[in-house]
PDB file of N, CA and C in Angstrom:
ATOM      1  N   MET A   1      41.767  94.929 123.561  1.00  0.00           N
ATOM      2  CA  MET A   1      41.661  94.113 122.399  1.00  0.00           C
ATOM      3  C   MET A   1      43.198  93.878 121.908  1.00  0.00           C
ATOM      4  N   PHE A   2      43.226  92.838 121.051  1.00  0.00           N
ATOM      5  CA  PHE A   2      44.573  92.375 120.654  1.00  0.00           C
ATOM      6  C   PHE A   2      44.643  92.656 119.097  1.00  0.00           C
ATOM      7  N   ALA A   3      45.682  93.547 118.804  1.00  0.00           N
ATOM      8  CA  ALA A   3      45.731  93.834 117.297  1.00  0.00           C
ATOM      9  C   ALA A   3      46.258  92.616 116.399  1.00  0.00           C
ATOM     10  N   CYS A   4      45.752  92.562 115.162  1.00  0.00           N
ATOM     11  CA  CYS A   4      46.099  91.683 114.148  1.00  0.00           C
ATOM     12  C   CYS A   4      47.553  92.000 113.827  1.00  0.00           C
ATOM     13  N   HIS A   5      48.389  91.019 113.588  1.00  0.00           N
ATOM     14  CA  HIS A   5      49.726  91.184 113.147  1.00  0.00           C
ATOM     15  C   HIS A   5      49.795  91.720 111.666  1.00  0.00           C
ATOM     16  N   GLN A   6      48.670  91.698 110.892  1.00  0.00           N
ATOM     17  CA  GLN A   6      48.719  92.203 109.490  1.00  0.00           C
ATOM     18  C   GLN A   6      48.175  93.603 109.460  1.00  0.00           C
ATOM     19  N   SER A   7      47.875  94.198 110.705  1.00  0.00           N
ATOM     20  CA  SER A   7      47.433  95.576 110.708  1.00  0.00           C
ATOM     21  C   SER A   7      48.589  96.424 110.698  1.00  0.00           C
ATOM     22  N   LYS A   8      48.393  97.710 110.287  1.00  0.00           N
ATOM     23  CA  LYS A   8      49.423  98.833 110.187  1.00  0.00           C
ATOM     24  C   LYS A   8      49.387  99.672 111.362  1.00  0.00           C
ATOM     25  N   PRO A   9      50.556 100.211 111.818  1.00  0.00           N
ATOM     26  CA  PRO A   9      50.560 101.213 112.858  1.00  0.00           C
ATOM     27  C   PRO A   9      49.630 102.314 112.691  1.00  0.00           C
ATOM     28  N   GLY A  10      48.745 102.624 113.648  1.00  0.00           N
ATOM     29  CA  GLY A  10      47.696 103.688 113.489  1.00  0.00           C
ATOM     30  C   GLY A  10      46.538 103.271 112.835  1.00  0.00           C
ATOM     31  N   GLU A  11      46.477 102.117 112.237  1.00  0.00           N
ATOM     32  CA  GLU A  11      45.329 101.504 111.512  1.00  0.00           C
ATOM     33  C   GLU A  11      44.996 100.179 112.120  1.00  0.00           C
ATOM     34  N   GLU A  12      45.316  99.862 113.355  1.00  0.00           N
ATOM     35  CA  GLU A  12      45.085  98.458 114.054  1.00  0.00           C
ATOM     36  C   GLU A  12      43.629  98.059 113.946  1.00  0.00           C
ATOM     37  N   PHE A  13      43.530  96.882 113.788  1.00  0.00           N
ATOM     38  CA  PHE A  13      42.194  96.168 113.922  1.00  0.00           C
ATOM     39  C   PHE A  13      42.443  94.919 114.760  1.00  0.00           C
ATOM     40  N   ALA A  14      41.241  94.455 115.279  1.00  0.00           N
ATOM     41  CA  ALA A  14      41.412  93.342 116.197  1.00  0.00           C
ATOM     42  C   ALA A  14      41.860  92.010 115.402  1.00  0.00           C
ATOM     43  N   CYS A  15      42.591  91.146 116.064  1.00  0.00           N
ATOM     44  CA  CYS A  15      42.879  89.904 115.501  1.00  0.00           C
ATOM     45  C   CYS A  15      41.722  88.926 115.496  1.00  0.00           C
ATOM     46  N   ALA A  16      41.319  88.533 114.324  1.00  0.00           N
ATOM     47  CA  ALA A  16      40.118  87.470 114.288  1.00  0.00           C
ATOM     48  C   ALA A  16      40.302  86.267 115.044  1.00  0.00           C
ATOM     49  N   GLY A  17      41.595  85.736 114.922  1.00  0.00           N
ATOM     50  CA  GLY A  17      41.938  84.559 115.704  1.00  0.00           C
ATOM     51  C   GLY A  17      41.922  84.750 117.152  1.00  0.00           C
ATOM     52  N   TRP A  18      42.337  85.782 117.626  1.00  0.00           N
ATOM     53  CA  TRP A  18      42.303  86.173 119.088  1.00  0.00           C
ATOM     54  C   TRP A  18      40.858  86.246 119.489  1.00  0.00           C
ATOM     55  N   LEU A  19      40.108  86.918 118.730  1.00  0.00           N
ATOM     56  CA  LEU A  19      38.672  87.092 119.109  1.00  0.00           C
ATOM     57  C   LEU A  19      37.996  85.647 119.269  1.00  0.00           C
ATOM     58  N   ALA A  20      38.210  84.817 118.331  1.00  0.00           N
ATOM     59  CA  ALA A  20      37.514  83.543 118.230  1.00  0.00           C
ATOM     60  C   ALA A  20      38.123  82.529 119.266  1.00  0.00           C
ATOM     61  N   THR A  21      39.352  82.760 119.615  1.00  0.00           N
ATOM     62  CA  THR A  21      39.925  81.825 120.656  1.00  0.00           C
ATOM     63  C   THR A  21      39.612  82.297 122.105  1.00  0.00           C
ATOM     64  N   VAL A  22      40.000  83.529 122.424  1.00  0.00           N
ATOM     65  CA  VAL A  22      39.848  83.944 123.815  1.00  0.00           C
ATOM     66  C   VAL A  22      39.134  85.295 124.046  1.00  0.00           C
ATOM     67  N   GLY A  23      38.718  85.895 122.819  1.00  0.00           N
ATOM     68  CA  GLY A  23      37.943  87.162 122.971  1.00  0.00           C
ATOM     69  C   GLY A  23      36.733  87.211 123.989  1.00  0.00           C
ATOM     70  N   HIS A  24      36.069  86.166 124.060  1.00  0.00           N
ATOM     71  CA  HIS A  24      34.913  86.099 124.952  1.00  0.00           C
ATOM     72  C   HIS A  24      35.261  86.332 126.412  1.00  0.00           C
ATOM     73  N   ARG A  25      36.535  86.102 126.764  1.00  0.00           N
ATOM     74  CA  ARG A  25      37.131  86.313 128.141  1.00  0.00           C
ATOM     75  C   ARG A  25      37.401  87.769 128.388  1.00  0.00           C
ATOM     76  N   HIS A  26      37.585  88.574 127.349  1.00  0.00           N
ATOM     77  CA  HIS A  26      38.018  90.010 127.624  1.00  0.00           C
ATOM     78  C   HIS A  26      36.981  90.897 127.908  1.00  0.00           C
ATOM     79  N   PRO A  27      37.057  91.723 128.935  1.00  0.00           N
ATOM     80  CA  PRO A  27      36.078  92.685 129.336  1.00  0.00           C
ATOM     81  C   PRO A  27      35.742  93.716 128.216  1.00  0.00           C
ATOM     82  N   SER A  28      36.778  94.147 127.497  1.00  0.00           N
ATOM     83  CA  SER A  28      36.359  95.050 126.477  1.00  0.00           C
ATOM     84  C   SER A  28      35.532  94.397 125.260  1.00  0.00           C
ATOM     85  N   VAL A  29      35.795  93.188 125.060  1.00  0.00           N
ATOM     86  CA  VAL A  29      35.001  92.495 123.986  1.00  0.00           C
ATOM     87  C   VAL A  29      33.599  92.325 124.562  1.00  0.00           C
ATOM     88  N   ARG A  30      33.449  92.008 125.780  1.00  0.00           N
ATOM     89  CA  ARG A  30      32.111  91.695 126.335  1.00  0.00           C
ATOM     90  C   ARG A  30      31.375  93.111 126.206  1.00  0.00           C
ATOM     91  N   LEU A  31      32.064  94.135 126.678  1.00  0.00           N
ATOM     92  CA  LEU A  31      31.344  95.498 126.616  1.00  0.00           C
ATOM     93  C   LEU A  31      31.003  95.833 125.272  1.00  0.00           C
ATOM     94  N   ALA A  32      31.887  95.612 124.225  1.00  0.00           N
ATOM     95  CA  ALA A  32      31.570  95.915 122.885  1.00  0.00           C
ATOM     96  C   ALA A  32      30.356  95.215 122.359  1.00  0.00           C
ATOM     97  N   MET A  33      30.232  94.001 122.807  1.00  0.00           N
ATOM     98  CA  MET A  33      29.055  93.187 122.386  1.00  0.00           C
ATOM     99  C   MET A  33      27.879  93.634 123.131  1.00  0.00           C
ATOM    100  N   ALA A  34      27.957  93.987 124.348  1.00  0.00           N
ATOM    101  CA  ALA A  34      26.800  94.555 125.174  1.00  0.00           C
ATOM    102  C   ALA A  34      26.207  95.839 124.586  1.00  0.00           C
ATOM    103  N   SER A  35      27.184  96.614 124.080  1.00  0.00           N
ATOM    104  CA  SER A  35      26.746  97.965 123.628  1.00  0.00           C
ATOM    105  C   SER A  35      26.594  97.939 121.990  1.00  0.00           C
ATOM    106  N   LYS A  36      26.480  96.820 121.460  1.00  0.00           N
ATOM    107  CA  LYS A  36      26.307  96.486 120.097  1.00  0.00           C
ATOM    108  C   LYS A  36      27.310  97.110 119.101  1.00  0.00           C
ATOM    109  N   ARG A  37      28.569  97.245 119.585  1.00  0.00           N
ATOM    110  CA  ARG A  37      29.576  97.772 118.734  1.00  0.00           C
ATOM    111  C   ARG A  37      30.277  96.576 118.124  1.00  0.00           C
ATOM    112  N   LEU A  38      30.073  95.529 118.653  1.00  0.00           N
ATOM    113  CA  LEU A  38      30.748  94.226 118.143  1.00  0.00           C
ATOM    114  C   LEU A  38      29.811  93.158 117.934  1.00  0.00           C
ATOM    115  N   ASP A  39      29.656  92.602 116.607  1.00  0.00           N
ATOM    116  CA  ASP A  39      28.682  91.511 116.506  1.00  0.00           C
ATOM    117  C   ASP A  39      29.192  90.320 117.031  1.00  0.00           C
ATOM    118  N   PRO A  40      28.425  89.577 117.756  1.00  0.00           N
ATOM    119  CA  PRO A  40      28.843  88.268 118.402  1.00  0.00           C
ATOM    120  C   PRO A  40      29.518  87.279 117.356  1.00  0.00           C
ATOM    121  N   SER A  41      29.078  87.335 116.093  1.00  0.00           N
ATOM    122  CA  SER A  41      29.631  86.540 115.018  1.00  0.00           C
ATOM    123  C   SER A  41      31.256  86.561 114.920  1.00  0.00           C
ATOM    124  N   ALA A  42      31.674  87.859 115.330  1.00  0.00           N
ATOM    125  CA  ALA A  42      33.121  88.089 115.330  1.00  0.00           C
ATOM    126  C   ALA A  42      33.838  87.094 116.247  1.00  0.00           C
ATOM    127  N   LEU A  43      33.200  86.495 117.105  1.00  0.00           N
ATOM    128  CA  LEU A  43      33.791  85.445 117.979  1.00  0.00           C
ATOM    129  C   LEU A  43      33.853  84.074 117.434  1.00  0.00           C
ATOM    130  N   GLU A  44      33.352  83.857 116.214  1.00  0.00           N
ATOM    131  CA  GLU A  44      33.193  82.528 115.676  1.00  0.00           C
ATOM    132  C   GLU A  44      34.297  82.438 114.590  1.00  0.00           C
ATOM    133  N   ARG A  45      34.869  81.183 114.622  1.00  0.00           N
ATOM    134  CA  ARG A  45      35.936  80.860 113.632  1.00  0.00           C
ATOM    135  C   ARG A  45      35.134  80.731 112.167  1.00  0.00           C
ATOM    136  N   GLY A  46      35.948  81.199 111.240  1.00  0.00           N
ATOM    137  CA  GLY A  46      35.359  80.995 109.821  1.00  0.00           C
ATOM    138  C   GLY A  46      35.698  79.397 109.394  1.00  0.00           C
ATOM    139  N   ALA A  47      34.778  79.020 108.528  1.00  0.00           N
ATOM    140  CA  ALA A  47      34.776  77.718 108.015  1.00  0.00           C
ATOM    141  C   ALA A  47      36.037  77.380 107.294  1.00  0.00           C
ATOM    142  N   ASP A  48      36.581  78.419 106.551  1.00  0.00           N
ATOM    143  CA  ASP A  48      37.731  78.274 105.716  1.00  0.00           C
ATOM    144  C   ASP A  48      39.098  78.737 106.298  1.00  0.00           C
ATOM    145  N   TRP A  49      39.028  78.933 107.679  1.00  0.00           N
ATOM    146  CA  TRP A  49      40.295  79.434 108.429  1.00  0.00           C
ATOM    147  C   TRP A  49      41.265  78.302 108.574  1.00  0.00           C
ATOM    148  N   PRO A  50      42.507  78.786 108.669  1.00  0.00           N
ATOM    149  CA  PRO A  50      43.583  77.773 109.053  1.00  0.00           C
ATOM    150  C   PRO A  50      43.311  77.360 110.542  1.00  0.00           C
ATOM    151  N   GLU A  51      44.084  76.411 110.943  1.00  0.00           N
ATOM    152  CA  GLU A  51      43.968  76.022 112.417  1.00  0.00           C
ATOM    153  C   GLU A  51      44.612  77.208 113.237  1.00  0.00           C
ATOM    154  N   LEU A  52      43.952  77.482 114.465  1.00  0.00           N
ATOM    155  CA  LEU A  52      44.411  78.591 115.260  1.00  0.00           C
ATOM    156  C   LEU A  52      45.215  77.956 116.253  1.00  0.00           C
ATOM    157  N   HIS A  53      46.174  78.853 116.734  1.00  0.00           N
ATOM    158  CA  HIS A  53      47.181  78.555 117.633  1.00  0.00           C
ATOM    159  C   HIS A  53      46.525  78.480 119.058  1.00  0.00           C
ATOM    160  N   GLU A  54      47.072  77.543 119.858  1.00  0.00           N
ATOM    161  CA  GLU A  54      46.479  77.476 121.099  1.00  0.00           C
ATOM    162  C   GLU A  54      46.791  78.569 122.213  1.00  0.00           C
ATOM    163  N   SER A  55      47.915  79.329 121.999  1.00  0.00           N
ATOM    164  CA  SER A  55      48.312  80.394 122.840  1.00  0.00           C
ATOM    165  C   SER A  55      48.967  81.478 122.037  1.00  0.00           C
ATOM    166  N   TYR A  56      49.233  82.580 122.650  1.00  0.00           N
ATOM    167  CA  TYR A  56      50.002  83.649 122.039  1.00  0.00           C
ATOM    168  C   TYR A  56      51.426  83.251 121.956  1.00  0.00           C
ATOM    169  N   GLN A  57      51.937  82.494 122.992  1.00  0.00           N
ATOM    170  CA  GLN A  57      53.360  82.000 122.901  1.00  0.00           C
ATOM    171  C   GLN A  57      53.485  81.254 121.575  1.00  0.00           C
ATOM    172  N   ALA A  58      52.591  80.340 121.283  1.00  0.00           N
ATOM    173  CA  ALA A  58      52.556  79.617 120.027  1.00  0.00           C
ATOM    174  C   ALA A  58      52.658  80.526 118.745  1.00  0.00           C
ATOM    175  N   VAL A  59      51.782  81.638 118.792  1.00  0.00           N
ATOM    176  CA  VAL A  59      51.876  82.534 117.607  1.00  0.00           C
ATOM    177  C   VAL A  59      53.283  83.089 117.573  1.00  0.00           C
ATOM    178  N   LEU A  60      53.859  83.514 118.620  1.00  0.00           N
ATOM    179  CA  LEU A  60      55.213  84.055 118.563  1.00  0.00           C
ATOM    180  C   LEU A  60      56.280  83.190 118.117  1.00  0.00           C
ATOM    181  N   ASP A  61      56.142  81.993 118.634  1.00  0.00           N
ATOM    182  CA  ASP A  61      57.165  80.894 118.226  1.00  0.00           C
ATOM    183  C   ASP A  61      57.058  80.687 116.668  1.00  0.00           C
ATOM    184  N   LYS A  62      55.866  80.597 116.120  1.00  0.00           N
ATOM    185  CA  LYS A  62      55.774  80.483 114.607  1.00  0.00           C
ATOM    186  C   LYS A  62      56.374  81.706 113.864  1.00  0.00           C
ATOM    187  N   LEU A  63      55.841  82.922 114.372  1.00  0.00           N
ATOM    188  CA  LEU A  63      56.422  84.121 113.619  1.00  0.00           C
ATOM    189  C   LEU A  63      57.960  84.139 113.728  1.00  0.00           C
ATOM    190  N   ARG A  64      58.572  83.769 114.860  1.00  0.00           N
ATOM    191  CA  ARG A  64      60.091  83.729 114.990  1.00  0.00           C
ATOM    192  C   ARG A  64      60.680  82.759 114.053  1.00  0.00           C
ATOM    193  N   ALA A  65      60.024  81.629 113.906  1.00  0.00           N
ATOM    194  CA  ALA A  65      60.567  80.499 112.958  1.00  0.00           C
ATOM    195  C   ALA A  65      60.515  81.047 111.611  1.00  0.00           C
ATOM    196  N   THR A  66      59.419  81.725 111.268  1.00  0.00           N
ATOM    197  CA  THR A  66      59.200  82.128 109.932  1.00  0.00           C
ATOM    198  C   THR A  66      60.211  83.268 109.574  1.00  0.00           C
ATOM    199  N   CYS A  67      60.546  84.144 110.499  1.00  0.00           N
ATOM    200  CA  CYS A  67      61.452  85.104 110.209  1.00  0.00           C
ATOM    201  C   CYS A  67      62.934  84.703 110.148  1.00  0.00           C
ATOM    202  N   ALA A  68      63.140  83.657 111.069  1.00  0.00           N
ATOM    203  CA  ALA A  68      64.609  82.983 110.896  1.00  0.00           C
ATOM    204  C   ALA A  68      64.773  82.414 109.559  1.00  0.00           C
ATOM    205  N   ARG A  69      63.719  81.872 108.928  1.00  0.00           N
ATOM    206  CA  ARG A  69      63.914  81.176 107.605  1.00  0.00           C
ATOM    207  C   ARG A  69      64.101  82.211 106.547  1.00  0.00           C
ATOM    208  N   GLY A  70      63.410  83.168 106.680  1.00  0.00           N
ATOM    209  CA  GLY A  70      63.318  84.301 105.598  1.00  0.00           C
ATOM    210  C   GLY A  70      64.527  85.117 105.463  1.00  0.00           C
TER     211      GLY A  70
END
């Protein structure tokens, strides 16, 4: 699974954007859904979500740009 950038060390939780964008391809996600540990709705984008990035590289680029300005 891919941790959310807003989670804290030792208290990580899955990135909702990652789950909605590519989670369906990840074997651990498929296993979690098959074993009823993850609700399939976790793979759906929320109606009020911002636009999701197309790739992990796009996420990194945005985070770096934000840090450079701050």
